[in-house]
Amino acid sequence: MKRRNFVQLAGMGAGALMVPSMMLGNNIPTEALLEPGMDVLLKKQMADVALNTAKGLGASYADARIGRYLNQFVRTREDKVQGVVNTESFGIGIRVIANGTWGFASTNDVTPDGIQKATEQAVAIAKANSKFQTNPVVLAPEASYGEVSWKTPIKKDFKEVPVSEKVELLLTANAAAQSNGANFVNSALFMVNEQKYFASTEGSYIDQDVHRIWPTFGVTAVGGGKFKTRQAMSAPMGLGYEYLDGLESEKLEGPQGLKLYRNSYDIIEDAAMAAKQAKEMLTAKSVDAGKYDLVLEPNHLGLTIHESVGHPTELDRVLGYEANYAGTSFATIDKWKSKNFKYGSDLVNIVADKQQVGSLGAVGWDDEGVKTKQWDIIRNGVLVNYQAIRDQVQMIDQNESHGCCYAQSWNDVQFQRMPNISLEPGKEPYSINDMIKDVEKGIYIAGRGSYSIDQQRYNFQFGGTMYYEIKDGKIVGMLNDVAYQSNTQEFWNSCAKICDQNDYRLFGSFFDGKGQPSQVSAVSHGSATTRFNDINVINTGRNV
């Protein structure tokens, strides 16, 4: 397939320039997904063109990322296929430091001439921007790893599964929902394969093959002049197509017969259950506003973790670099330096992790060649660290990158992105049913819903998919119109109990946006079911 060649330029300091707009990828036939990409030896040769050119032009550092990004999206509605889309994007991005300043350029002309031209432009941009650079870029030291590789440990490659099988699965799920009373059903499969090659002047040549998958749906029931929609209880995962095997061993029994899923998902079972629950929502009573103990299921709590812990502990946000676009953070440097800022109760231990198997953020090395790892963000309720990359950690008196640098494609510059941010489960045996028995007045919330949070990630409001009222240790029925309000520090300090490892599951965000120009990344958040005491609940109903 003939590709349109272009170069994208970006100065990473003052005076940034970007031409033209981001390439979204080329539409390709399904069979082209299985075509082999560039040989790894040729990738090394092409990367060396960039590295040698940059050094010859006076760059003190350079890295090159050759990327082939394959996507497949399958969408259905009721008994019809809405679309099957396959895309491919291929090219190289070159990042350099010259005169103490970053420069970046990219091209999909992955030939020696094309790469040389892009590298020359990256160095020229860095030198031009150095006139405005007040403090030279300082990189934390990183080992040279030589020629290494990493691959998502999948069992089934989505590219090898026939489209007809995927369509049949979605349509069967839709039929299961309709036969159980659903009026409308939309379902989709999102599948991604990132084939990424990184090389740097420090001697690393890293080949990685990353896979992600997200099956999802929305099931709607109509009645009594109202409609209610129940979203899928799946999570986007860093797994292969085997995630859709629906293994019984990966299912959990939730309250009221709710099926919950860990590392394997049964979309047909979930769609049938969703239809019944959507119908039940139509006649569920509206919540009485007031104070409740909240029992939050991981598929729901993950979004709250993402917004109230993940984003406010990104160091670039803390330092004000995102103020014009996405806001700042209440978790300021002085709070971290105090070493006693109580972000949450003693039970709250939040861990950042780029290695967790099955998670969306799992890779062997990040997009600037740093070996990934796990580190604490909050320990025993106290803020102990942030998320930072090679040119940031010296700002918080550290000398080792956290390994959380990422770019959404080869033609976007890499920068600090959220790793997996997760709440550690409780250490003592404790189940969902145990937790519900301990609640006198509460609400069990499952699934994702609406959310709103302020520019400092402090005051917020969250809703879910399903709500169940708890009285005197028992669930007494379904509720409607529930949302809870709090601020981040008050909320996490109200954390009173966490279920054990047996209940631990992942939630994921497949398209988390950040940056200018905006980029998306995929990130997971793990937790077990967790109780938060005495939280303000409001009624969101129109007729209240």
Protein backbone atom coordinates (compact mmCIF):
# COMPACT_ATOMS: atom_id res chain seq x y z
CA MET A 1 0.00 0.00 0.00
CA LYS A 2 1.37 3.38 -0.96
CA ARG A 3 1.89 5.71 2.00
CA ARG A 4 1.89 9.48 2.00
CA ASN A 5 5.26 10.68 3.28
CA PHE A 6 5.42 13.61 5.63
CA VAL A 7 7.45 14.97 8.50
CA GLN A 8 5.98 16.17 11.78
CA LEU A 9 8.04 18.70 13.70
CA ALA A 10 7.83 19.70 17.32
CA GLY A 11 10.05 21.80 19.50
CA MET A 12 9.71 20.53 23.04
CA GLY A 13 10.46 23.86 24.66
CA ALA A 14 9.36 27.40 23.93
CA GLY A 15 8.60 28.17 20.32
CA ALA A 16 7.06 24.77 19.53
CA LEU A 17 6.07 24.13 15.92
CA MET A 18 3.80 21.35 14.64
CA VAL A 19 3.09 20.58 10.97
CA PRO A 20 0.90 18.93 9.88
CA SER A 21 -1.75 17.29 12.10
CA MET A 22 -1.45 13.84 13.63
CA MET A 23 -1.78 10.86 11.31
CA LEU A 24 -4.54 8.53 12.42
CA GLY A 25 -3.45 5.54 10.35
CA ASN A 26 -4.33 3.93 7.05
CA ASN A 27 -7.35 1.68 6.53
CA ILE A 28 -6.16 -1.79 5.56
CA PRO A 29 -7.84 -5.10 4.69
CA THR A 30 -8.18 -7.59 7.52
CA GLU A 31 -5.61 -9.97 6.08
CA ALA A 32 -2.99 -7.20 6.11
CA LEU A 33 -3.01 -7.34 9.92
CA LEU A 34 -1.13 -10.64 9.65
CA GLU A 35 1.59 -9.33 7.36
CA PRO A 36 4.97 -9.31 9.11
CA GLY A 37 6.43 -5.95 10.02
CA MET A 38 9.96 -4.72 9.42
CA ASP A 39 12.65 -7.24 10.39
CA VAL A 40 14.31 -6.43 13.75
CA LEU A 41 17.79 -6.31 12.17
CA LEU A 42 16.57 -3.74 9.65
CA LYS A 43 14.95 -1.75 12.47
CA LYS A 44 18.33 -1.59 14.20
CA GLN A 45 20.01 -0.38 11.02
CA MET A 46 17.37 2.31 10.50
CA ALA A 47 17.55 3.42 14.13
CA ASP A 48 21.33 3.69 13.89
CA VAL A 49 20.92 6.09 10.97
CA ALA A 50 19.05 8.43 13.30
CA LEU A 51 21.43 7.99 16.24
CA ASN A 52 24.61 8.45 14.17
CA THR A 53 23.19 11.45 12.32
CA ALA A 54 22.18 13.12 15.58
CA LYS A 55 25.60 12.58 17.17
CA GLY A 56 27.31 13.86 14.02
CA LEU A 57 25.28 17.08 14.28
CA GLY A 58 26.30 17.66 17.88
CA ALA A 59 23.43 16.12 19.83
CA SER A 60 24.49 14.94 23.29
CA TYR A 61 21.67 12.36 23.34
CA ALA A 62 19.23 10.83 20.86
CA ASP A 63 16.62 8.11 20.77
CA ALA A 64 14.58 6.63 17.94
CA ARG A 65 11.24 4.83 18.11
CA ILE A 66 10.12 2.77 15.13
CA GLY A 67 6.46 1.88 15.56
CA ARG A 68 3.88 -0.22 13.74
CA TYR A 69 0.44 0.27 15.29
CA LEU A 70 -2.34 -2.14 14.30
CA ASN A 71 -5.95 -1.67 15.37
CA GLN A 72 -9.17 -3.57 14.78
CA PHE A 73 -12.60 -2.29 15.85
CA VAL A 74 -15.78 -4.35 15.45
CA ARG A 75 -19.16 -2.75 16.24
CA THR A 76 -22.68 -4.19 16.23
CA ARG A 77 -26.20 -3.11 17.13
CA GLU A 78 -28.95 -5.63 17.83
CA ASP A 79 -28.76 -8.09 14.91
CA LYS A 80 -26.66 -5.94 12.58
CA VAL A 81 -22.97 -5.27 12.08
CA GLN A 82 -22.26 -1.54 12.28
CA GLY A 83 -18.70 -1.72 11.06
CA VAL A 84 -15.35 -3.49 10.99
CA VAL A 85 -12.34 -1.20 10.81
CA ASN A 86 -8.68 -2.19 10.50
CA THR A 87 -5.94 0.44 10.60
CA GLU A 88 -2.16 0.49 10.39
CA SER A 89 0.27 3.28 11.20
CA PHE A 90 4.02 2.93 10.62
CA GLY A 91 6.90 5.34 11.02
CA ILE A 92 9.75 6.62 13.16
CA GLY A 93 10.04 9.36 15.78
CA ILE A 94 13.44 10.87 16.66
CA ARG A 95 14.08 12.76 19.89
CA VAL A 96 17.35 14.57 20.59
CA ILE A 97 19.06 16.80 23.12
CA ALA A 98 21.23 19.51 21.57
CA ASN A 99 22.57 22.53 23.47
CA GLY A 100 20.75 21.18 26.52
CA THR A 101 17.34 21.36 24.80
CA TRP A 102 14.86 18.79 23.48
CA GLY A 103 13.96 18.55 19.81
CA PHE A 104 11.68 16.09 18.03
CA ALA A 105 10.73 15.15 14.48
CA SER A 106 9.01 12.17 12.91
CA THR A 107 8.39 10.67 9.49
CA ASN A 108 6.75 7.67 7.87
CA ASP A 109 9.50 7.62 5.25
CA VAL A 110 11.45 4.89 7.06
CA THR A 111 14.42 4.91 4.70
CA PRO A 112 17.97 6.15 5.35
CA ASP A 113 17.24 9.40 3.47
CA GLY A 114 13.91 9.99 5.17
CA ILE A 115 15.33 9.27 8.62
CA GLN A 116 18.38 11.47 8.04
CA LYS A 117 16.19 14.41 7.04
CA ALA A 118 13.91 14.00 10.06
CA THR A 119 16.91 13.75 12.41
CA GLU A 120 18.46 16.90 10.95
CA GLN A 121 15.20 18.72 11.59
CA ALA A 122 14.99 17.42 15.17
CA VAL A 123 18.48 18.71 15.91
CA ALA A 124 17.77 22.04 14.21
CA ILE A 125 14.64 22.49 16.33
CA ALA A 126 16.54 21.71 19.52
CA LYS A 127 19.28 24.23 18.69
CA ALA A 128 16.74 26.90 17.77
CA ASN A 129 14.80 26.35 20.99
CA SER A 130 17.98 26.42 23.09
CA LYS A 131 17.93 30.22 22.76
CA PHE A 132 14.93 30.20 25.06
CA GLN A 133 15.97 27.36 27.38
CA THR A 134 16.78 28.67 30.85
CA ASN A 135 17.78 25.34 32.44
CA PRO A 136 19.40 22.57 30.40
CA VAL A 137 17.70 19.18 30.29
CA VAL A 138 19.10 16.78 32.89
CA LEU A 139 18.45 13.06 32.36
CA ALA A 140 18.54 10.55 35.17
CA PRO A 141 21.11 7.83 34.42
CA GLU A 142 19.83 4.63 32.82
CA ALA A 143 21.54 1.34 32.05
CA SER A 144 22.40 0.19 28.55
CA TYR A 145 20.41 -2.97 27.90
CA GLY A 146 21.82 -3.99 24.55
CA GLU A 147 19.51 -5.97 22.26
CA VAL A 148 16.48 -7.14 24.28
CA SER A 149 12.80 -7.88 23.69
CA TRP A 150 9.48 -8.13 25.56
CA LYS A 151 6.02 -9.34 24.59
CA THR A 152 2.60 -9.29 26.23
CA PRO A 153 2.13 -12.93 27.38
CA ILE A 154 -0.93 -13.65 25.23
CA LYS A 155 -2.42 -17.05 24.38
CA LYS A 156 -4.52 -15.95 21.39
CA ASP A 157 -3.53 -13.20 18.97
CA PHE A 158 -6.65 -11.27 17.94
CA LYS A 159 -5.22 -10.88 14.44
CA GLU A 160 -5.45 -14.66 13.94
CA VAL A 161 -9.10 -14.89 15.00
CA PRO A 162 -11.51 -14.61 12.04
CA VAL A 163 -13.69 -11.50 11.93
CA SER A 164 -16.70 -13.78 11.49
CA GLU A 165 -16.01 -15.33 14.90
CA LYS A 166 -15.83 -11.90 16.53
CA VAL A 167 -19.03 -10.77 14.86
CA GLU A 168 -20.82 -13.96 15.87
CA LEU A 169 -19.77 -13.48 19.50
CA LEU A 170 -21.10 -9.91 19.62
CA LEU A 171 -24.35 -10.77 17.86
CA THR A 172 -24.87 -13.73 20.20
CA ALA A 173 -24.37 -11.43 23.18
CA ASN A 174 -26.86 -8.96 21.68
CA ALA A 175 -29.39 -11.75 21.18
CA ALA A 176 -28.93 -12.90 24.77
CA ALA A 177 -29.71 -9.38 25.97
CA GLN A 178 -32.78 -9.04 23.74
CA SER A 179 -34.18 -12.42 24.74
CA ASN A 180 -33.98 -11.26 28.36
CA GLY A 181 -35.91 -8.07 27.75
CA ALA A 182 -33.50 -5.50 26.32
CA ASN A 183 -34.93 -3.06 23.79
CA PHE A 184 -31.60 -1.85 22.43
CA VAL A 185 -28.06 -3.25 22.46
CA ASN A 186 -24.79 -1.82 21.19
CA SER A 187 -21.62 -3.90 21.48
CA ALA A 188 -18.03 -3.53 20.37
CA LEU A 189 -14.59 -5.08 20.39
CA PHE A 190 -11.50 -2.86 20.47
CA MET A 191 -8.20 -4.65 19.78
CA VAL A 192 -4.73 -3.09 19.62
CA ASN A 193 -1.24 -4.35 18.79
CA GLU A 194 1.72 -1.98 19.23
CA GLN A 195 4.95 -3.24 17.64
CA LYS A 196 7.53 -0.86 19.07
CA TYR A 197 11.28 -0.66 18.62
CA PHE A 198 13.38 1.72 20.73
CA ALA A 199 17.05 2.59 20.33
CA SER A 200 19.20 5.22 22.03
CA THR A 201 22.74 6.59 21.96
CA GLU A 202 23.17 4.96 25.38
CA GLY A 203 23.28 1.53 23.72
CA SER A 204 19.78 0.07 24.19
CA TYR A 205 17.93 -1.67 21.35
CA ILE A 206 14.53 -2.75 22.65
CA ASP A 207 11.91 -4.63 20.61
CA GLN A 208 8.42 -4.92 22.16
CA ASP A 209 5.10 -6.44 21.07
CA VAL A 210 2.19 -5.07 23.12
CA HIS A 211 -1.42 -6.30 22.99
CA ARG A 212 -4.62 -4.84 24.45
CA ILE A 213 -8.31 -5.76 24.18
CA TRP A 214 -11.63 -4.26 25.26
CA PRO A 215 -15.01 -5.96 24.80
CA THR A 216 -17.90 -3.74 25.83
CA PHE A 217 -21.61 -3.08 25.37
CA GLY A 218 -24.54 -0.95 26.44
CA VAL A 219 -27.89 -2.66 27.10
CA THR A 220 -31.02 -0.46 27.30
CA ALA A 221 -34.48 -1.29 28.62
CA VAL A 222 -37.51 0.96 28.05
CA GLY A 223 -40.70 1.13 30.10
CA GLY A 224 -43.07 3.49 31.87
CA GLY A 225 -41.87 6.46 29.86
CA LYS A 226 -38.27 5.90 31.01
CA PHE A 227 -35.17 4.11 29.82
CA LYS A 228 -32.22 2.64 31.71
CA THR A 229 -28.88 1.47 30.37
CA ARG A 230 -26.57 -1.05 31.96
CA GLN A 231 -22.97 -1.01 30.76
CA ALA A 232 -20.75 -4.08 30.48
CA MET A 233 -18.92 -5.32 33.58
CA SER A 234 -15.83 -6.04 31.49
CA ALA A 235 -12.53 -4.22 31.86
CA PRO A 236 -10.07 -3.29 29.11
CA MET A 237 -7.10 -5.62 29.57
CA GLY A 238 -3.52 -6.16 28.47
CA LEU A 239 -4.35 -9.67 27.30
CA GLY A 240 -4.97 -11.52 24.05
CA TYR A 241 -8.25 -12.78 22.63
CA GLU A 242 -8.28 -15.47 25.34
CA TYR A 243 -9.81 -12.81 27.62
CA LEU A 244 -13.13 -13.67 25.94
CA ASP A 245 -13.01 -17.37 26.87
CA GLY A 246 -15.30 -16.77 29.86
CA LEU A 247 -13.52 -19.20 32.18
CA GLU A 248 -15.58 -20.22 35.22
CA SER A 249 -12.44 -20.10 37.37
CA GLU A 250 -12.19 -16.32 36.76
CA LYS A 251 -15.78 -15.51 37.79
CA LEU A 252 -16.86 -14.16 41.16
CA GLU A 253 -20.34 -14.18 42.63
CA GLY A 254 -21.37 -10.69 43.68
CA PRO A 255 -24.40 -9.50 45.65
CA GLN A 256 -27.86 -10.19 44.19
CA GLY A 257 -26.41 -12.79 41.80
CA LEU A 258 -24.22 -10.22 40.05
CA LYS A 259 -21.45 -11.89 38.07
CA LEU A 260 -18.02 -10.28 38.38
CA TYR A 261 -15.01 -11.03 36.21
CA ARG A 262 -11.26 -11.07 36.70
CA ASN A 263 -8.89 -12.18 33.90
CA SER A 264 -11.52 -13.86 31.71
CA TYR A 265 -14.83 -12.40 30.57
CA ASP A 266 -18.12 -14.01 29.53
CA ILE A 267 -19.77 -11.36 27.36
CA ILE A 268 -22.85 -13.48 26.57
CA GLU A 269 -23.58 -14.18 30.22
CA ASP A 270 -23.00 -10.54 31.14
CA ALA A 271 -25.27 -9.25 28.37
CA ALA A 272 -28.14 -11.53 29.47
CA MET A 273 -27.70 -10.40 33.07
CA ALA A 274 -27.47 -6.75 31.97
CA ALA A 275 -30.89 -6.92 30.29
CA LYS A 276 -32.54 -8.25 33.46
CA GLN A 277 -30.86 -5.60 35.59
CA ALA A 278 -31.71 -2.77 33.18
CA LYS A 279 -35.38 -3.81 33.44
CA GLU A 280 -35.08 -3.87 37.23
CA MET A 281 -33.64 -0.35 37.19
CA LEU A 282 -36.84 0.94 35.58
CA THR A 283 -38.83 0.32 38.77
CA ALA A 284 -36.08 0.74 41.39
CA LYS A 285 -36.73 3.37 44.01
CA SER A 286 -34.99 6.72 43.95
CA VAL A 287 -32.34 7.18 46.63
CA ASP A 288 -32.93 9.34 49.69
CA ALA A 289 -30.10 11.85 49.87
CA GLY A 290 -27.91 11.70 52.95
CA LYS A 291 -24.85 10.09 54.52
CA TYR A 292 -24.11 6.45 53.67
CA ASP A 293 -21.33 3.92 54.00
CA LEU A 294 -20.34 3.09 50.43
CA VAL A 295 -19.28 -0.39 49.34
CA LEU A 296 -17.48 0.19 46.05
CA GLU A 297 -16.87 -2.63 43.57
CA PRO A 298 -13.46 -2.52 41.75
CA ASN A 299 -14.92 -1.92 38.30
CA HIS A 300 -16.42 1.24 39.78
CA LEU A 301 -13.64 2.22 42.20
CA GLY A 302 -11.03 2.11 39.45
CA LEU A 303 -12.34 5.31 37.89
CA THR A 304 -12.32 7.07 41.27
CA ILE A 305 -8.70 5.96 41.78
CA HIS A 306 -7.83 7.18 38.27
CA GLU A 307 -9.23 10.67 38.78
CA SER A 308 -8.49 11.33 42.46
CA VAL A 309 -5.10 9.58 42.83
CA GLY A 310 -3.71 8.84 39.37
CA HIS A 311 -3.94 12.30 37.83
CA PRO A 312 -3.09 14.43 40.89
CA THR A 313 0.18 12.52 41.46
CA GLU A 314 1.53 13.11 37.93
CA LEU A 315 4.57 15.27 38.55
CA ASP A 316 4.12 17.46 35.46
CA ARG A 317 0.61 18.33 36.65
CA VAL A 318 1.89 18.98 40.18
CA LEU A 319 4.52 21.37 38.79
CA GLY A 320 1.90 23.29 36.80
CA TYR A 321 2.93 22.17 33.30
CA GLU A 322 -0.67 21.21 32.45
CA ALA A 323 -2.40 24.20 34.02
CA ASN A 324 -3.71 25.69 30.77
CA TYR A 325 -5.23 22.44 29.55
CA ALA A 326 -5.99 19.95 32.31
CA GLY A 327 -5.41 21.87 35.53
CA THR A 328 -3.02 21.46 38.43
CA SER A 329 -2.98 19.31 41.57
CA PHE A 330 -3.77 19.76 45.24
CA ALA A 331 -1.00 17.21 46.02
CA THR A 332 1.71 19.86 45.91
CA ILE A 333 5.43 19.38 46.51
CA ASP A 334 5.30 20.84 50.03
CA LYS A 335 2.80 18.14 51.05
CA TRP A 336 5.13 15.41 49.78
CA LYS A 337 8.17 17.00 51.41
CA SER A 338 6.42 17.09 54.79
CA LYS A 339 6.51 13.25 54.80
CA ASN A 340 3.31 13.20 56.84
CA PHE A 341 0.57 14.38 54.49
CA LYS A 342 -2.38 12.06 55.15
CA TYR A 343 -3.80 11.44 51.70
CA GLY A 344 -5.89 8.59 53.14
CA SER A 345 -6.44 6.37 56.14
CA ASP A 346 -3.76 3.96 57.35
CA LEU A 347 -5.37 1.22 55.22
CA VAL A 348 -4.68 3.08 51.97
CA ASN A 349 -1.63 1.79 50.09
CA ILE A 350 -1.48 2.94 46.47
CA VAL A 351 1.12 1.39 44.19
CA ALA A 352 2.28 2.47 40.73
CA ASP A 353 3.20 -0.47 38.51
CA LYS A 354 4.26 -0.87 34.87
CA GLN A 355 4.78 -4.64 35.08
CA GLN A 356 1.47 -6.06 36.35
CA VAL A 357 0.47 -9.02 34.18
CA GLY A 358 -2.84 -8.48 32.38
CA SER A 359 -2.82 -4.73 32.93
CA LEU A 360 -3.09 -2.18 30.14
CA GLY A 361 0.11 -0.43 31.13
CA ALA A 362 2.34 -3.49 31.29
CA VAL A 363 5.54 -3.28 29.23
CA GLY A 364 9.14 -4.34 29.77
CA TRP A 365 10.63 -0.91 29.04
CA ASP A 366 8.98 2.48 28.71
CA ASP A 367 9.18 4.73 25.66
CA GLU A 368 12.53 6.21 26.65
CA GLY A 369 14.21 2.87 27.29
CA VAL A 370 13.78 2.69 31.07
CA LYS A 371 13.26 -0.73 32.64
CA THR A 372 9.79 -0.70 34.18
CA LYS A 373 9.12 -1.32 37.86
CA GLN A 374 6.72 -0.92 40.79
CA TRP A 375 6.87 1.88 43.36
CA ASP A 376 4.76 3.36 46.15
CA ILE A 377 2.65 6.48 45.69
CA ILE A 378 0.84 6.30 49.05
CA ARG A 379 1.98 4.09 51.93
CA ASN A 380 -0.09 3.72 55.10
CA GLY A 381 -2.13 6.71 53.97
CA VAL A 382 0.86 9.05 53.53
CA LEU A 383 1.88 10.60 50.18
CA VAL A 384 5.40 9.25 49.53
CA ASN A 385 6.07 9.72 45.80
CA TYR A 386 4.87 10.89 42.40
CA GLN A 387 5.02 9.63 38.80
CA ALA A 388 8.12 10.98 37.05
CA ILE A 389 10.40 10.27 34.08
CA ARG A 390 14.09 10.81 33.27
CA ASP A 391 14.07 14.59 32.90
CA GLN A 392 11.78 15.09 35.92
CA VAL A 393 13.07 13.01 38.83
CA GLN A 394 15.87 15.40 39.70
CA MET A 395 13.14 17.96 40.48
CA ILE A 396 12.08 15.74 43.39
CA ASP A 397 15.64 14.92 44.48
CA GLN A 398 15.65 11.44 42.93
CA ASN A 399 18.15 9.96 40.48
CA GLU A 400 16.18 7.09 38.93
CA SER A 401 13.31 7.39 36.46
CA HIS A 402 10.07 5.65 37.41
CA GLY A 403 9.78 4.25 33.88
CA CYS A 404 6.41 5.75 32.93
CA CYS A 405 7.18 7.59 29.68
CA TYR A 406 4.82 6.92 26.75
CA ALA A 407 3.76 8.19 23.33
CA GLN A 408 0.53 7.15 21.63
CA SER A 409 2.34 6.60 18.32
CA TRP A 410 5.65 6.97 16.51
CA ASN A 411 4.77 10.48 15.36
CA ASP A 412 4.03 11.81 18.85
CA VAL A 413 6.69 12.82 21.33
CA GLN A 414 6.87 10.69 24.45
CA PHE A 415 6.18 12.26 27.83
CA GLN A 416 5.13 11.35 31.37
CA ARG A 417 1.97 9.22 31.41
CA MET A 418 0.12 7.50 34.20
CA PRO A 419 1.30 3.95 35.01
CA ASN A 420 -1.09 1.42 36.50
CA ILE A 421 -2.20 2.97 39.80
CA SER A 422 -3.76 0.45 42.17
CA LEU A 423 -5.06 0.08 45.72
CA GLU A 424 -3.55 -2.86 47.54
CA PRO A 425 -6.11 -5.40 48.83
CA GLY A 426 -6.54 -6.16 52.52
CA LYS A 427 -4.20 -8.67 54.12
CA GLU A 428 -6.79 -10.52 56.23
CA PRO A 429 -9.48 -12.81 54.74
CA TYR A 430 -12.53 -10.62 54.07
CA SER A 431 -15.18 -11.06 51.35
CA ILE A 432 -17.84 -8.86 49.78
CA ASN A 433 -20.51 -10.64 51.83
CA ASP A 434 -18.50 -10.07 55.01
CA MET A 435 -18.34 -6.37 54.19
CA ILE A 436 -22.06 -6.04 53.48
CA LYS A 437 -22.86 -7.76 56.81
CA ASP A 438 -20.85 -5.05 58.58
CA VAL A 439 -22.85 -2.15 57.08
CA GLU A 440 -25.94 -0.76 58.81
CA LYS A 441 -26.85 1.96 56.31
CA GLY A 442 -25.09 1.89 52.99
CA ILE A 443 -25.07 1.53 49.23
CA TYR A 444 -23.25 -1.05 47.12
CA ILE A 445 -22.12 0.53 43.82
CA ALA A 446 -20.98 -1.54 40.84
CA GLY A 447 -19.77 -0.45 37.41
CA ARG A 448 -18.74 2.87 35.92
CA GLY A 449 -20.94 5.91 35.53
CA SER A 450 -20.79 9.69 35.41
CA TYR A 451 -18.02 11.65 37.07
CA SER A 452 -16.90 15.21 37.65
CA ILE A 453 -13.77 16.51 39.39
CA ASP A 454 -12.30 19.99 39.71
CA GLN A 455 -9.11 21.39 38.17
CA GLN A 456 -7.01 20.46 41.19
CA ARG A 457 -8.41 16.92 41.41
CA TYR A 458 -9.86 17.67 44.83
CA ASN A 459 -13.65 18.16 44.90
CA PHE A 460 -15.53 15.48 42.99
CA GLN A 461 -18.78 13.67 42.25
CA PHE A 462 -19.08 10.08 40.98
CA GLY A 463 -21.89 7.83 39.85
CA GLY A 464 -22.00 4.15 38.89
CA THR A 465 -23.97 1.66 36.80
CA MET A 466 -25.92 -0.22 39.49
CA TYR A 467 -26.80 0.66 43.05
CA TYR A 468 -28.11 -1.56 45.86
CA GLU A 469 -29.36 -0.34 49.22
CA ILE A 470 -27.88 -1.98 52.33
CA LYS A 471 -29.81 -2.02 55.62
CA ASP A 472 -28.66 -3.78 58.79
CA GLY A 473 -26.16 -5.96 56.93
CA LYS A 474 -28.44 -7.00 54.07
CA ILE A 475 -29.14 -5.78 50.54
CA VAL A 476 -32.81 -4.81 50.43
CA GLY A 477 -33.22 -3.69 46.81
CA MET A 478 -31.97 -1.70 43.88
CA LEU A 479 -31.69 2.09 43.87
CA ASN A 480 -31.70 4.80 41.21
CA ASP A 481 -30.35 8.35 40.92
CA VAL A 482 -27.25 7.85 43.11
CA ALA A 483 -24.10 9.95 43.08
CA TYR A 484 -21.62 10.60 45.87
CA GLN A 485 -19.76 13.81 46.62
CA SER A 486 -16.55 14.36 48.56
CA ASN A 487 -13.06 15.76 48.30
CA THR A 488 -10.06 13.56 47.65
CA GLN A 489 -8.45 13.77 51.08
CA GLU A 490 -11.71 13.41 53.01
CA PHE A 491 -12.80 10.49 50.83
CA TRP A 492 -9.61 8.44 51.11
CA ASN A 493 -9.36 9.12 54.84
CA SER A 494 -12.83 7.59 55.20
CA CYS A 495 -11.54 4.26 53.82
CA ALA A 496 -12.53 1.78 56.53
CA LYS A 497 -12.15 -1.73 55.11
CA ILE A 498 -10.75 -3.48 52.01
CA CYS A 499 -11.55 -7.01 50.83
CA ASP A 500 -8.72 -9.48 50.38
CA GLN A 501 -6.74 -10.61 47.33
CA ASN A 502 -9.45 -13.07 46.26
CA ASP A 503 -11.65 -10.11 45.30
CA TYR A 504 -8.89 -8.11 43.56
CA ARG A 505 -9.72 -7.09 39.97
CA LEU A 506 -8.66 -4.56 37.34
CA PHE A 507 -10.53 -1.63 35.88
CA GLY A 508 -9.08 0.08 32.82
CA SER A 509 -9.15 3.27 30.81
CA PHE A 510 -8.49 2.51 27.12
CA PHE A 511 -8.37 6.13 25.95
CA ASP A 512 -7.00 8.34 28.75
CA GLY A 513 -6.30 11.79 27.32
CA LYS A 514 -3.52 14.17 28.28
CA GLY A 515 -1.16 16.74 26.79
CA GLN A 516 -1.15 19.39 24.10
CA PRO A 517 -1.56 18.20 21.36
CA SER A 518 -3.66 15.64 23.16
CA GLN A 519 -2.56 12.00 23.23
CA VAL A 520 -4.33 8.94 24.62
CA SER A 521 -2.88 6.07 26.61
CA ALA A 522 -4.25 2.92 28.21
CA VAL A 523 -3.96 2.35 31.96
CA SER A 524 -5.34 -0.09 34.54
CA HIS A 525 -6.32 0.37 38.17
CA GLY A 526 -6.61 -2.60 40.50
CA SER A 527 -8.47 -2.90 43.77
CA ALA A 528 -10.67 -5.15 45.83
CA THR A 529 -14.13 -4.11 47.00
CA THR A 530 -13.64 -1.26 49.48
CA ARG A 531 -15.80 0.46 52.09
CA PHE A 532 -15.83 4.21 52.68
CA ASN A 533 -17.75 5.42 55.72
CA ASP A 534 -20.14 8.35 56.04
CA ILE A 535 -20.01 9.71 52.47
CA ASN A 536 -22.48 12.30 51.19
CA VAL A 537 -24.91 10.86 48.63
CA ILE A 538 -27.11 13.09 46.48
CA ASN A 539 -30.19 12.31 44.39
CA THR A 540 -29.61 13.03 40.71
CA GLY A 541 -33.21 12.41 39.59
CA ARG A 542 -34.93 15.05 37.51
CA ASN A 543 -38.17 14.88 39.46
CA VAL A 544 -36.72 15.35 42.95
